[in-house]
Full PDB file with SEQRES, HELIX, SHEET, SSBOND, CRYST1, ORIGX, SCALE, CONECT and MASTER records, all heavy atoms in Angstrom:
SEQRES   1 A   34  GLY VAL ALA SER TYR THR SER LYS PHE ALA ALA THR GLY          
SEQRES   2 A   34  GLU LEU LEU ALA GLU PHE ALA LEU PRO ALA GLY MET TYR          
SEQRES   3 A   34  SER PHE ARG GLY LEU TRP LEU PRO                              
SHEET    1 AA1 2 TYR A   5  PHE A   9  0                                        
SHEET    2 AA1 2 LEU A  15  ALA A  20 -1                                        
CRYST1    1.000    1.000    1.000  90.00  90.00  90.00 P 1           1          
ORIGX1      1.000000  0.000000  0.000000        0.00000                         
ORIGX2      0.000000  1.000000  0.000000        0.00000                         
ORIGX3      0.000000  0.000000  1.000000        0.00000                         
SCALE1      1.000000  0.000000  0.000000        0.00000                         
SCALE2      0.000000  1.000000  0.000000        0.00000                         
SCALE3      0.000000  0.000000  1.000000        0.00000                         
ATOM      1  N   GLY A   1       0.798  -1.217   0.000  1.00  0.00           N  
ATOM      2  CA  GLY A   1       0.000   0.000   0.000  1.00  0.00           C  
ATOM      3  C   GLY A   1       0.827   1.261   0.000  1.00  0.00           C  
ATOM      4  O   GLY A   1       1.710   1.453  -0.833  1.00  0.00           O  
ATOM      5  N   VAL A   2       0.547   2.156   0.964  1.00  0.00           N  
ATOM      6  CA  VAL A   2       1.225   3.451   1.011  1.00  0.00           C  
ATOM      7  C   VAL A   2       2.718   3.326   1.309  1.00  0.00           C  
ATOM      8  O   VAL A   2       3.451   4.308   1.195  1.00  0.00           O  
ATOM      9  CB  VAL A   2       0.567   4.390   2.041  1.00  0.00           C  
ATOM     10  CG1 VAL A   2      -0.834   4.770   1.608  1.00  0.00           C  
ATOM     11  CG2 VAL A   2       0.568   3.775   3.430  1.00  0.00           C  
ATOM     12  N   ALA A   3       3.177   2.131   1.659  1.00  0.00           N  
ATOM     13  CA  ALA A   3       4.609   1.927   1.897  1.00  0.00           C  
ATOM     14  C   ALA A   3       5.382   1.741   0.592  1.00  0.00           C  
ATOM     15  O   ALA A   3       6.602   1.514   0.626  1.00  0.00           O  
ATOM     16  CB  ALA A   3       4.835   0.728   2.815  1.00  0.00           C  
ATOM     17  N   SER A   4       4.713   1.792  -0.566  1.00  0.00           N  
ATOM     18  CA  SER A   4       5.321   1.871  -1.899  1.00  0.00           C  
ATOM     19  C   SER A   4       5.834   0.557  -2.469  1.00  0.00           C  
ATOM     20  O   SER A   4       6.154   0.495  -3.657  1.00  0.00           O  
ATOM     21  CB  SER A   4       6.479   2.899  -1.931  1.00  0.00           C  
ATOM     22  OG  SER A   4       6.023   4.178  -1.554  1.00  0.00           O  
ATOM     23  N   TYR A   5       5.948  -0.502  -1.695  1.00  0.00           N  
ATOM     24  CA  TYR A   5       6.540  -1.758  -2.151  1.00  0.00           C  
ATOM     25  C   TYR A   5       5.478  -2.792  -2.536  1.00  0.00           C  
ATOM     26  O   TYR A   5       4.343  -2.774  -2.042  1.00  0.00           O  
ATOM     27  CB  TYR A   5       7.403  -2.373  -1.052  1.00  0.00           C  
ATOM     28  CG  TYR A   5       8.768  -1.752  -0.878  1.00  0.00           C  
ATOM     29  CD1 TYR A   5       8.944  -0.607  -0.109  1.00  0.00           C  
ATOM     30  CD2 TYR A   5       9.896  -2.316  -1.477  1.00  0.00           C  
ATOM     31  CE1 TYR A   5      10.191  -0.033   0.059  1.00  0.00           C  
ATOM     32  CE2 TYR A   5      11.155  -1.754  -1.309  1.00  0.00           C  
ATOM     33  CZ  TYR A   5      11.298  -0.612  -0.542  1.00  0.00           C  
ATOM     34  OH  TYR A   5      12.537  -0.053  -0.377  1.00  0.00           O  
ATOM     35  N   THR A   6       5.886  -3.719  -3.402  1.00  0.00           N  
ATOM     36  CA  THR A   6       5.189  -4.987  -3.618  1.00  0.00           C  
ATOM     37  C   THR A   6       6.246  -6.076  -3.555  1.00  0.00           C  
ATOM     38  O   THR A   6       7.312  -5.957  -4.167  1.00  0.00           O  
ATOM     39  CB  THR A   6       4.480  -5.033  -4.980  1.00  0.00           C  
ATOM     40  OG1 THR A   6       3.571  -3.944  -5.084  1.00  0.00           O  
ATOM     41  CG2 THR A   6       3.714  -6.332  -5.143  1.00  0.00           C  
ATOM     42  N   SER A   7       5.979  -7.152  -2.809  1.00  0.00           N  
ATOM     43  CA  SER A   7       6.967  -8.212  -2.594  1.00  0.00           C  
ATOM     44  C   SER A   7       6.416  -9.555  -3.032  1.00  0.00           C  
ATOM     45  O   SER A   7       5.228  -9.824  -2.903  1.00  0.00           O  
ATOM     46  CB  SER A   7       7.358  -8.294  -1.108  1.00  0.00           C  
ATOM     47  OG  SER A   7       7.817  -7.054  -0.624  1.00  0.00           O  
ATOM     48  N   LYS A   8       7.333 -10.393  -3.538  1.00  0.00           N  
ATOM     49  CA  LYS A   8       6.982 -11.773  -3.870  1.00  0.00           C  
ATOM     50  C   LYS A   8       7.716 -12.690  -2.894  1.00  0.00           C  
ATOM     51  O   LYS A   8       8.933 -12.566  -2.692  1.00  0.00           O  
ATOM     52  CB  LYS A   8       7.361 -12.117  -5.309  1.00  0.00           C  
ATOM     53  CG  LYS A   8       7.037 -13.564  -5.689  1.00  0.00           C  
ATOM     54  CD  LYS A   8       7.420 -13.879  -7.138  1.00  0.00           C  
ATOM     55  CE  LYS A   8       6.382 -13.360  -8.094  1.00  0.00           C  
ATOM     56  NZ  LYS A   8       6.627 -13.828  -9.491  1.00  0.00           N  
ATOM     57  N   PHE A   9       6.949 -13.607  -2.280  1.00  0.00           N  
ATOM     58  CA  PHE A   9       7.495 -14.528  -1.288  1.00  0.00           C  
ATOM     59  C   PHE A   9       7.307 -15.970  -1.743  1.00  0.00           C  
ATOM     60  O   PHE A   9       6.353 -16.288  -2.472  1.00  0.00           O  
ATOM     61  CB  PHE A   9       6.777 -14.366   0.060  1.00  0.00           C  
ATOM     62  CG  PHE A   9       6.999 -13.050   0.745  1.00  0.00           C  
ATOM     63  CD1 PHE A   9       6.147 -11.976   0.512  1.00  0.00           C  
ATOM     64  CD2 PHE A   9       8.046 -12.882   1.632  1.00  0.00           C  
ATOM     65  CE1 PHE A   9       6.327 -10.763   1.146  1.00  0.00           C  
ATOM     66  CE2 PHE A   9       8.240 -11.666   2.290  1.00  0.00           C  
ATOM     67  CZ  PHE A   9       7.383 -10.601   2.043  1.00  0.00           C  
ATOM     68  N   ALA A  10       8.189 -16.851  -1.267  1.00  0.00           N  
ATOM     69  CA  ALA A  10       7.916 -18.280  -1.334  1.00  0.00           C  
ATOM     70  C   ALA A  10       6.803 -18.582  -0.338  1.00  0.00           C  
ATOM     71  O   ALA A  10       6.547 -17.811   0.596  1.00  0.00           O  
ATOM     72  CB  ALA A  10       9.171 -19.073  -0.995  1.00  0.00           C  
ATOM     73  N   ALA A  11       6.139 -19.715  -0.525  1.00  0.00           N  
ATOM     74  CA  ALA A  11       5.038 -20.073   0.381  1.00  0.00           C  
ATOM     75  C   ALA A  11       5.509 -20.148   1.827  1.00  0.00           C  
ATOM     76  O   ALA A  11       4.729 -19.915   2.758  1.00  0.00           O  
ATOM     77  CB  ALA A  11       4.434 -21.401  -0.050  1.00  0.00           C  
ATOM     78  N   THR A  12       6.792 -20.455   2.021  1.00  0.00           N  
ATOM     79  CA  THR A  12       7.357 -20.590   3.360  1.00  0.00           C  
ATOM     80  C   THR A  12       7.721 -19.260   4.000  1.00  0.00           C  
ATOM     81  O   THR A  12       8.172 -19.213   5.145  1.00  0.00           O  
ATOM     82  CB  THR A  12       8.609 -21.464   3.302  1.00  0.00           C  
ATOM     83  OG1 THR A  12       9.523 -20.905   2.336  1.00  0.00           O  
ATOM     84  CG2 THR A  12       8.254 -22.887   2.892  1.00  0.00           C  
ATOM     85  N   GLY A  13       7.567 -18.143   3.242  1.00  0.00           N  
ATOM     86  CA  GLY A  13       7.871 -16.826   3.785  1.00  0.00           C  
ATOM     87  C   GLY A  13       9.180 -16.240   3.337  1.00  0.00           C  
ATOM     88  O   GLY A  13       9.505 -15.106   3.683  1.00  0.00           O  
ATOM     89  N   GLU A  14       9.966 -16.973   2.535  1.00  0.00           N  
ATOM     90  CA  GLU A  14      11.248 -16.461   2.051  1.00  0.00           C  
ATOM     91  C   GLU A  14      11.012 -15.402   0.974  1.00  0.00           C  
ATOM     92  O   GLU A  14      10.255 -15.606   0.030  1.00  0.00           O  
ATOM     93  CB  GLU A  14      12.074 -17.602   1.469  1.00  0.00           C  
ATOM     94  CG  GLU A  14      13.383 -17.162   0.829  1.00  0.00           C  
ATOM     95  CD  GLU A  14      14.032 -18.261   0.009  1.00  0.00           C  
ATOM     96  OE1 GLU A  14      13.457 -19.369  -0.067  1.00  0.00           O  
ATOM     97  OE2 GLU A  14      15.107 -18.000  -0.567  1.00  0.00           O  
ATOM     98  N   LEU A  15      11.666 -14.258   1.103  1.00  0.00           N  
ATOM     99  CA  LEU A  15      11.525 -13.181   0.137  1.00  0.00           C  
ATOM    100  C   LEU A  15      12.213 -13.546  -1.173  1.00  0.00           C  
ATOM    101  O   LEU A  15      13.385 -13.937  -1.190  1.00  0.00           O  
ATOM    102  CB  LEU A  15      12.122 -11.886   0.685  1.00  0.00           C  
ATOM    103  CG  LEU A  15      12.054 -10.663  -0.241  1.00  0.00           C  
ATOM    104  CD1 LEU A  15      10.603 -10.257  -0.489  1.00  0.00           C  
ATOM    105  CD2 LEU A  15      12.848  -9.503   0.344  1.00  0.00           C  
ATOM    106  N   LEU A  16      11.493 -13.406  -2.293  1.00  0.00           N  
ATOM    107  CA  LEU A  16      12.027 -13.742  -3.611  1.00  0.00           C  
ATOM    108  C   LEU A  16      12.292 -12.508  -4.469  1.00  0.00           C  
ATOM    109  O   LEU A  16      13.228 -12.502  -5.259  1.00  0.00           O  
ATOM    110  CB  LEU A  16      11.059 -14.667  -4.355  1.00  0.00           C  
ATOM    111  CG  LEU A  16      10.742 -15.996  -3.688  1.00  0.00           C  
ATOM    112  CD1 LEU A  16       9.691 -16.747  -4.502  1.00  0.00           C  
ATOM    113  CD2 LEU A  16      11.999 -16.837  -3.533  1.00  0.00           C  
ATOM    114  N   ALA A  17      11.449 -11.503  -4.353  1.00  0.00           N  
ATOM    115  CA  ALA A  17      11.593 -10.328  -5.209  1.00  0.00           C  
ATOM    116  C   ALA A  17      10.880  -9.147  -4.577  1.00  0.00           C  
ATOM    117  O   ALA A  17       9.918  -9.313  -3.829  1.00  0.00           O  
ATOM    118  CB  ALA A  17      11.018 -10.607  -6.597  1.00  0.00           C  
ATOM    119  N   GLU A  18      11.368  -7.955  -4.922  1.00  0.00           N  
ATOM    120  CA  GLU A  18      10.729  -6.727  -4.459  1.00  0.00           C  
ATOM    121  C   GLU A  18      10.609  -5.746  -5.613  1.00  0.00           C  
ATOM    122  O   GLU A  18      11.513  -5.631  -6.446  1.00  0.00           O  
ATOM    123  CB  GLU A  18      11.533  -6.082  -3.324  1.00  0.00           C  
ATOM    124  CG  GLU A  18      11.364  -6.764  -1.989  1.00  0.00           C  
ATOM    125  CD  GLU A  18      11.998  -5.982  -0.863  1.00  0.00           C  
ATOM    126  OE1 GLU A  18      13.070  -5.390  -1.072  1.00  0.00           O  
ATOM    127  OE2 GLU A  18      11.419  -5.971   0.240  1.00  0.00           O  
ATOM    128  N   PHE A  19       9.491  -5.060  -5.639  1.00  0.00           N  
ATOM    129  CA  PHE A  19       9.236  -4.008  -6.609  1.00  0.00           C  
ATOM    130  C   PHE A  19       8.901  -2.745  -5.822  1.00  0.00           C  
ATOM    131  O   PHE A  19       8.063  -2.788  -4.923  1.00  0.00           O  
ATOM    132  CB  PHE A  19       8.059  -4.369  -7.518  1.00  0.00           C  
ATOM    133  CG  PHE A  19       8.219  -5.675  -8.251  1.00  0.00           C  
ATOM    134  CD1 PHE A  19       7.946  -6.882  -7.619  1.00  0.00           C  
ATOM    135  CD2 PHE A  19       8.647  -5.693  -9.572  1.00  0.00           C  
ATOM    136  CE1 PHE A  19       8.091  -8.090  -8.288  1.00  0.00           C  
ATOM    137  CE2 PHE A  19       8.790  -6.887 -10.252  1.00  0.00           C  
ATOM    138  CZ  PHE A  19       8.509  -8.090  -9.608  1.00  0.00           C  
ATOM    139  N   ALA A  20       9.530  -1.641  -6.178  1.00  0.00           N  
ATOM    140  CA  ALA A  20       9.333  -0.421  -5.387  1.00  0.00           C  
ATOM    141  C   ALA A  20       8.995   0.761  -6.289  1.00  0.00           C  
ATOM    142  O   ALA A  20       9.720   1.054  -7.247  1.00  0.00           O  
ATOM    143  CB  ALA A  20      10.577  -0.103  -4.573  1.00  0.00           C  
ATOM    144  N   LEU A  21       7.892   1.423  -5.988  1.00  0.00           N  
ATOM    145  CA  LEU A  21       7.587   2.712  -6.594  1.00  0.00           C  
ATOM    146  C   LEU A  21       8.433   3.793  -5.927  1.00  0.00           C  
ATOM    147  O   LEU A  21       8.932   3.599  -4.816  1.00  0.00           O  
ATOM    148  CB  LEU A  21       6.103   3.032  -6.418  1.00  0.00           C  
ATOM    149  CG  LEU A  21       5.127   2.230  -7.272  1.00  0.00           C  
ATOM    150  CD1 LEU A  21       3.707   2.363  -6.724  1.00  0.00           C  
ATOM    151  CD2 LEU A  21       5.180   2.689  -8.726  1.00  0.00           C  
ATOM    152  N   PRO A  22       8.621   4.926  -6.579  1.00  0.00           N  
ATOM    153  CA  PRO A  22       9.363   6.009  -5.927  1.00  0.00           C  
ATOM    154  C   PRO A  22       8.700   6.426  -4.618  1.00  0.00           C  
ATOM    155  O   PRO A  22       7.484   6.316  -4.454  1.00  0.00           O  
ATOM    156  CB  PRO A  22       9.313   7.133  -6.961  1.00  0.00           C  
ATOM    157  CG  PRO A  22       9.105   6.448  -8.272  1.00  0.00           C  
ATOM    158  CD  PRO A  22       8.240   5.263  -7.964  1.00  0.00           C  
ATOM    159  N   ALA A  23       9.498   6.899  -3.686  1.00  0.00           N  
ATOM    160  CA  ALA A  23       8.978   7.365  -2.404  1.00  0.00           C  
ATOM    161  C   ALA A  23       7.921   8.434  -2.631  1.00  0.00           C  
ATOM    162  O   ALA A  23       8.053   9.288  -3.511  1.00  0.00           O  
ATOM    163  CB  ALA A  23      10.114   7.920  -1.549  1.00  0.00           C  
ATOM    164  N   GLY A  24       6.850   8.349  -1.846  1.00  0.00           N  
ATOM    165  CA  GLY A  24       5.763   9.297  -1.993  1.00  0.00           C  
ATOM    166  C   GLY A  24       4.671   8.840  -2.938  1.00  0.00           C  
ATOM    167  O   GLY A  24       3.682   9.530  -3.129  1.00  0.00           O  
ATOM    168  N   MET A  25       4.852   7.651  -3.539  1.00  0.00           N  
ATOM    169  CA  MET A  25       3.832   7.066  -4.407  1.00  0.00           C  
ATOM    170  C   MET A  25       3.339   5.758  -3.783  1.00  0.00           C  
ATOM    171  O   MET A  25       4.059   5.110  -3.027  1.00  0.00           O  
ATOM    172  CB  MET A  25       4.364   6.782  -5.804  1.00  0.00           C  
ATOM    173  CG  MET A  25       4.817   7.992  -6.562  1.00  0.00           C  
ATOM    174  SD  MET A  25       5.276   7.569  -8.256  1.00  0.00           S  
ATOM    175  CE  MET A  25       6.192   9.039  -8.730  1.00  0.00           C  
ATOM    176  N   TYR A  26       2.128   5.382  -4.124  1.00  0.00           N  
ATOM    177  CA  TYR A  26       1.553   4.155  -3.586  1.00  0.00           C  
ATOM    178  C   TYR A  26       0.834   3.408  -4.695  1.00  0.00           C  
ATOM    179  O   TYR A  26       0.569   3.939  -5.771  1.00  0.00           O  
ATOM    180  CB  TYR A  26       0.562   4.472  -2.466  1.00  0.00           C  
ATOM    181  CG  TYR A  26      -0.657   5.241  -2.949  1.00  0.00           C  
ATOM    182  CD1 TYR A  26      -1.695   4.605  -3.633  1.00  0.00           C  
ATOM    183  CD2 TYR A  26      -0.763   6.612  -2.733  1.00  0.00           C  
ATOM    184  CE1 TYR A  26      -2.792   5.307  -4.103  1.00  0.00           C  
ATOM    185  CE2 TYR A  26      -1.867   7.320  -3.189  1.00  0.00           C  
ATOM    186  CZ  TYR A  26      -2.873   6.658  -3.880  1.00  0.00           C  
ATOM    187  OH  TYR A  26      -3.951   7.356  -4.354  1.00  0.00           O  
ATOM    188  N   SER A  27       0.502   2.159  -4.409  1.00  0.00           N  
ATOM    189  CA  SER A  27      -0.442   1.400  -5.224  1.00  0.00           C  
ATOM    190  C   SER A  27      -1.399   0.734  -4.248  1.00  0.00           C  
ATOM    191  O   SER A  27      -0.964   0.044  -3.323  1.00  0.00           O  
ATOM    192  CB  SER A  27       0.259   0.360  -6.089  1.00  0.00           C  
ATOM    193  OG  SER A  27      -0.674  -0.353  -6.889  1.00  0.00           O  
ATOM    194  N   PHE A  28      -2.698   0.934  -4.440  1.00  0.00           N  
ATOM    195  CA  PHE A  28      -3.687   0.391  -3.508  1.00  0.00           C  
ATOM    196  C   PHE A  28      -3.488  -1.114  -3.329  1.00  0.00           C  
ATOM    197  O   PHE A  28      -3.562  -1.643  -2.224  1.00  0.00           O  
ATOM    198  CB  PHE A  28      -5.095   0.685  -4.027  1.00  0.00           C  
ATOM    199  CG  PHE A  28      -6.189   0.367  -3.051  1.00  0.00           C  
ATOM    200  CD1 PHE A  28      -6.467   1.226  -2.007  1.00  0.00           C  
ATOM    201  CD2 PHE A  28      -6.946  -0.783  -3.175  1.00  0.00           C  
ATOM    202  CE1 PHE A  28      -7.476   0.942  -1.094  1.00  0.00           C  
ATOM    203  CE2 PHE A  28      -7.964  -1.072  -2.278  1.00  0.00           C  
ATOM    204  CZ  PHE A  28      -8.224  -0.209  -1.231  1.00  0.00           C  
ATOM    205  N   ARG A  29      -3.260  -1.817  -4.415  1.00  0.00           N  
ATOM    206  CA  ARG A  29      -2.891  -3.233  -4.369  1.00  0.00           C  
ATOM    207  C   ARG A  29      -1.766  -3.482  -5.357  1.00  0.00           C  
ATOM    208  O   ARG A  29      -1.545  -2.695  -6.286  1.00  0.00           O  
ATOM    209  CB  ARG A  29      -4.086  -4.134  -4.702  1.00  0.00           C  
ATOM    210  CG  ARG A  29      -5.175  -4.093  -3.640  1.00  0.00           C  
ATOM    211  CD  ARG A  29      -6.221  -5.193  -3.839  1.00  0.00           C  
ATOM    212  NE  ARG A  29      -7.127  -5.236  -2.708  1.00  0.00           N  
ATOM    213  CZ  ARG A  29      -8.335  -4.655  -2.669  1.00  0.00           C  
ATOM    214  NH1 ARG A  29      -8.769  -3.993  -3.724  1.00  0.00           N  
ATOM    215  NH2 ARG A  29      -9.091  -4.739  -1.602  1.00  0.00           N  
ATOM    216  N   GLY A  30      -1.043  -4.601  -5.183  1.00  0.00           N  
ATOM    217  CA  GLY A  30      -0.041  -5.045  -6.140  1.00  0.00           C  
ATOM    218  C   GLY A  30      -0.329  -6.490  -6.474  1.00  0.00           C  
ATOM    219  O   GLY A  30      -0.193  -7.361  -5.614  1.00  0.00           O  
ATOM    220  N   LEU A  31      -0.742  -6.769  -7.717  1.00  0.00           N  
ATOM    221  CA  LEU A  31      -1.192  -8.104  -8.102  1.00  0.00           C  
ATOM    222  C   LEU A  31      -0.372  -8.625  -9.272  1.00  0.00           C  
ATOM    223  O   LEU A  31      -0.062  -7.886 -10.210  1.00  0.00           O  
ATOM    224  CB  LEU A  31      -2.673  -8.076  -8.493  1.00  0.00           C  
ATOM    225  CG  LEU A  31      -3.650  -7.547  -7.438  1.00  0.00           C  
ATOM    226  CD1 LEU A  31      -5.048  -7.432  -8.019  1.00  0.00           C  
ATOM    227  CD2 LEU A  31      -3.645  -8.441  -6.194  1.00  0.00           C  
ATOM    228  N   TRP A  32      -0.050  -9.919  -9.223  1.00  0.00           N  
ATOM    229  CA  TRP A  32       0.664 -10.584 -10.319  1.00  0.00           C  
ATOM    230  C   TRP A  32      -0.359 -11.406 -11.108  1.00  0.00           C  
ATOM    231  O   TRP A  32      -0.928 -12.359 -10.587  1.00  0.00           O  
ATOM    232  CB  TRP A  32       1.760 -11.484  -9.759  1.00  0.00           C  
ATOM    233  CG  TRP A  32       2.675 -11.997 -10.822  1.00  0.00           C  
ATOM    234  CD1 TRP A  32       2.562 -13.163 -11.525  1.00  0.00           C  
ATOM    235  CD2 TRP A  32       3.862 -11.350 -11.295  1.00  0.00           C  
ATOM    236  NE1 TRP A  32       3.592 -13.282 -12.410  1.00  0.00           N  
ATOM    237  CE2 TRP A  32       4.410 -12.182 -12.299  1.00  0.00           C  
ATOM    238  CE3 TRP A  32       4.498 -10.149 -10.984  1.00  0.00           C  
ATOM    239  CZ2 TRP A  32       5.574 -11.844 -12.980  1.00  0.00           C  
ATOM    240  CZ3 TRP A  32       5.666  -9.815 -11.671  1.00  0.00           C  
ATOM    241  CH2 TRP A  32       6.194 -10.669 -12.655  1.00  0.00           C  
ATOM    242  N   LEU A  33      -0.587 -11.008 -12.375  1.00  0.00           N  
ATOM    243  CA  LEU A  33      -1.681 -11.586 -13.139  1.00  0.00           C  
ATOM    244  C   LEU A  33      -1.260 -11.900 -14.570  1.00  0.00           C  
ATOM    245  O   LEU A  33      -0.434 -11.179 -15.153  1.00  0.00           O  
ATOM    246  CB  LEU A  33      -2.867 -10.603 -13.181  1.00  0.00           C  
ATOM    247  CG  LEU A  33      -3.465 -10.206 -11.826  1.00  0.00           C  
ATOM    248  CD1 LEU A  33      -4.379  -8.998 -11.987  1.00  0.00           C  
ATOM    249  CD2 LEU A  33      -4.230 -11.380 -11.215  1.00  0.00           C  
ATOM    250  N   PRO A  34      -1.825 -12.950 -15.157  1.00  0.00           N  
ATOM    251  CA  PRO A  34      -1.557 -13.233 -16.570  1.00  0.00           C  
ATOM    252  C   PRO A  34      -2.238 -12.195 -17.454  1.00  0.00           C  
ATOM    253  O   PRO A  34      -3.310 -11.699 -17.124  1.00  0.00           O  
ATOM    254  CB  PRO A  34      -2.171 -14.626 -16.774  1.00  0.00           C  
ATOM    255  CG  PRO A  34      -3.256 -14.707 -15.743  1.00  0.00           C  
ATOM    256  CD  PRO A  34      -2.757 -13.931 -14.555  1.00  0.00           C  
TER     257      PRO A  34                                                      
MASTER        0    0    0    0    2    0    0    6  256    1    0    3          
END                                                                             
C-alpha cells in the first residue's frame, strides 16, 4: 500500500523479489496476473 513496495514470497515466507515505486507514491494493491 502506502509503503510503496510490492513483494513476492515463497510459500514458506522467504523473500524472492521486491518491486518499489518512488517514495511518496503508492499502489492500492499489487497483483501478479496473466
